C-alpha atoms as a PDB file:
ATOM      1  CA  ASP A   1     130.208 -81.273 -16.877  1.00  0.00           C
ATOM      2  CA  GLU A   2     132.263 -78.701 -18.774  1.00  0.00           C
ATOM      3  CA  THR A   3     133.973 -75.974 -16.749  1.00  0.00           C
ATOM      4  CA  ILE A   4     133.778 -72.294 -17.639  1.00  0.00           C
ATOM      5  CA  ARG A   5     137.417 -72.310 -18.737  1.00  0.00           C
ATOM      6  CA  GLU A   6     136.949 -75.340 -20.995  1.00  0.00           C
ATOM      7  CA  TRP A   7     133.830 -73.877 -22.594  1.00  0.00           C
ATOM      8  CA  VAL A   8     135.240 -70.391 -23.198  1.00  0.00           C
ATOM      9  CA  THR A   9     138.535 -71.737 -24.518  1.00  0.00           C
ATOM     10  CA  ARG A  10     136.688 -74.079 -26.896  1.00  0.00           C
ATOM     11  CA  ILE A  11     134.327 -71.385 -28.200  1.00  0.00           C
ATOM     12  CA  LEU A  12     136.281 -68.112 -27.972  1.00  0.00           C
ATOM     13  CA  GLY A  13     139.916 -69.042 -27.327  1.00  0.00           C
ATOM     14  CA  GLU A  14     142.462 -68.897 -24.543  1.00  0.00           C
ATOM     15  CA  GLU A  15     143.192 -65.174 -24.819  1.00  0.00           C
ATOM     16  CA  VAL A  16     139.543 -64.178 -24.381  1.00  0.00           C
ATOM     17  CA  PHE A  17     139.387 -66.396 -21.327  1.00  0.00           C
ATOM     18  CA  LEU A  18     142.517 -64.937 -19.746  1.00  0.00           C
ATOM     19  CA  ARG A  19     141.745 -61.277 -20.489  1.00  0.00           C
ATOM     20  CA  CYS A  20     137.964 -61.112 -20.071  1.00  0.00           C
ATOM     21  CA  ILE A  21     136.291 -64.129 -18.554  1.00  0.00           C
ATOM     22  CA  ASP A  22     138.736 -65.106 -15.819  1.00  0.00           C
ATOM     23  CA  PRO A  23     138.685 -61.659 -14.128  1.00  0.00           C
ATOM     24  CA  PHE A  24     134.891 -61.401 -14.531  1.00  0.00           C
ATOM     25  CA  VAL A  25     134.093 -64.826 -13.108  1.00  0.00           C
ATOM     26  CA  SER A  26     136.639 -64.488 -10.320  1.00  0.00           C
ATOM     27  CA  GLY A  27     135.118 -61.151  -9.280  1.00  0.00           C
ATOM     28  CA  VAL A  28     131.404 -61.866  -9.707  1.00  0.00           C
ATOM     29  CA  TYR A  29     131.299 -65.468  -8.508  1.00  0.00           C
ATOM     30  CA  ALA A  30     134.363 -65.308  -6.232  1.00  0.00           C
ATOM     31  CA  GLY A  31     135.298 -68.681  -7.650  1.00  0.00           C
ATOM     32  CA  ASN A  32     137.783 -70.404  -9.860  1.00  0.00           C
ATOM     33  CA  PRO A  33     136.539 -70.663 -13.458  1.00  0.00           C
ATOM     34  CA  GLU A  34     138.662 -73.781 -13.865  1.00  0.00           C
ATOM     35  CA  THR A  35     136.385 -75.615 -11.421  1.00  0.00           C
ATOM     36  CA  LEU A  36     132.997 -73.877 -11.815  1.00  0.00           C
ATOM     37  CA  SER A  37     130.451 -75.635 -13.998  1.00  0.00           C
ATOM     38  CA  MET A  38     129.433 -73.709 -17.112  1.00  0.00           C
ATOM     39  CA  ARG A  39     125.834 -74.948 -17.003  1.00  0.00           C
ATOM     40  CA  ALA A  40     125.431 -74.170 -13.301  1.00  0.00           C
ATOM     41  CA  SER A  41     127.117 -70.750 -13.313  1.00  0.00           C
ATOM     42  CA  LEU A  42     126.279 -69.284 -16.722  1.00  0.00           C
ATOM     43  CA  SER A  43     123.289 -71.357 -17.757  1.00  0.00           C
ATOM     44  CA  LYS A  44     121.744 -68.776 -20.097  1.00  0.00           C
ATOM     45  CA  ILE A  45     124.931 -68.551 -22.147  1.00  0.00           C
ATOM     46  CA  ALA A  46     125.262 -72.337 -22.241  1.00  0.00           C
ATOM     47  CA  ARG A  47     121.629 -72.542 -23.399  1.00  0.00           C
ATOM     48  CA  ILE A  48     122.391 -70.209 -26.313  1.00  0.00           C
ATOM     49  CA  GLU A  49     124.946 -72.732 -27.559  1.00  0.00           C
ATOM     50  CA  THR A  50     122.221 -75.399 -27.497  1.00  0.00           C
ATOM     51  CA  TYR A  51     119.956 -73.149 -29.574  1.00  0.00           C
ATOM     52  CA  SER A  52     122.762 -72.596 -32.056  1.00  0.00           C
ATOM     53  CA  TYR A  53     123.179 -76.325 -32.687  1.00  0.00           C
ATOM     54  CA  ASP A  54     119.402 -76.713 -33.145  1.00  0.00           C
ATOM     55  CA  ILE A  55     119.482 -74.483 -36.250  1.00  0.00           C
ATOM     56  CA  GLU A  56     119.643 -76.879 -39.187  1.00  0.00           C
ATOM     57  CA  TRP A  57     121.995 -74.819 -41.385  1.00  0.00           C
ATOM     58  CA  ASN A  58     124.281 -73.760 -38.522  1.00  0.00           C
ATOM     59  CA  LYS A  59     126.384 -76.904 -38.361  1.00  0.00           C
ATOM     60  CA  GLY A  60     129.304 -75.027 -36.796  1.00  0.00           C
ATOM     61  CA  GLY A  61     127.145 -74.036 -33.830  1.00  0.00           C
ATOM     62  CA  ALA A  62     128.105 -70.360 -33.816  1.00  0.00           C
ATOM     63  CA  ILE A  63     126.746 -68.906 -30.571  1.00  0.00           C
ATOM     64  CA  PHE A  64     125.843 -65.646 -32.350  1.00  0.00           C
ATOM     65  CA  TYR A  65     123.138 -67.456 -34.322  1.00  0.00           C
ATOM     66  CA  GLY A  66     121.943 -69.194 -31.175  1.00  0.00           C
ATOM     67  CA  GLY A  67     121.459 -65.800 -29.545  1.00  0.00           C
ATOM     68  CA  LEU A  68     119.512 -64.586 -32.549  1.00  0.00           C
ATOM     69  CA  ALA A  69     117.343 -67.705 -32.583  1.00  0.00           C
ATOM     70  CA  ARG A  70     116.562 -67.299 -28.885  1.00  0.00           C
ATOM     71  CA  GLN A  71     115.695 -63.620 -29.369  1.00  0.00           C
ATOM     72  CA  VAL A  72     113.297 -64.483 -32.199  1.00  0.00           C
ATOM     73  CA  ALA A  73     111.663 -67.152 -30.037  1.00  0.00           C
ATOM     74  CA  LEU A  74     111.255 -64.700 -27.132  1.00  0.00           C
ATOM     75  CA  THR A  75     109.722 -62.068 -29.424  1.00  0.00           C
ATOM     76  CA  LYS A  76     107.188 -64.600 -30.732  1.00  0.00           C
ATOM     77  CA  GLU A  77     106.329 -65.667 -27.173  1.00  0.00           C
ATOM     78  CA  ARG A  78     105.782 -62.067 -26.088  1.00  0.00           C
ATOM     79  CA  LYS A  79     103.592 -61.296 -29.089  1.00  0.00           C
ATOM     80  CA  ALA A  80     101.482 -64.386 -28.485  1.00  0.00           C
ATOM     81  CA  ASP A  81     100.989 -63.591 -24.779  1.00  0.00           C
ATOM     82  CA  PRO A  82     101.478 -59.853 -24.117  1.00  0.00           C
ATOM     83  CA  PRO A  83     101.646 -58.621 -20.504  1.00  0.00           C
END
């Protein structure tokens, strides 16, 4: 399983990890992002990456498009079954 550090470094780069993610994860989860599982700790963000790879034209897997795809899916679900 990929750690938070491995995932963030692969997607966003080392500097983003060191300046943003490491302090956040260390404070919120009181854990070491070099050992915490990405899927277990930040499952919604990891799921967005899966959505991004499911888009046929998004071969690079940009997580931005995965977030948009998930938002569209949620909007359709809410319209089909309003509260």
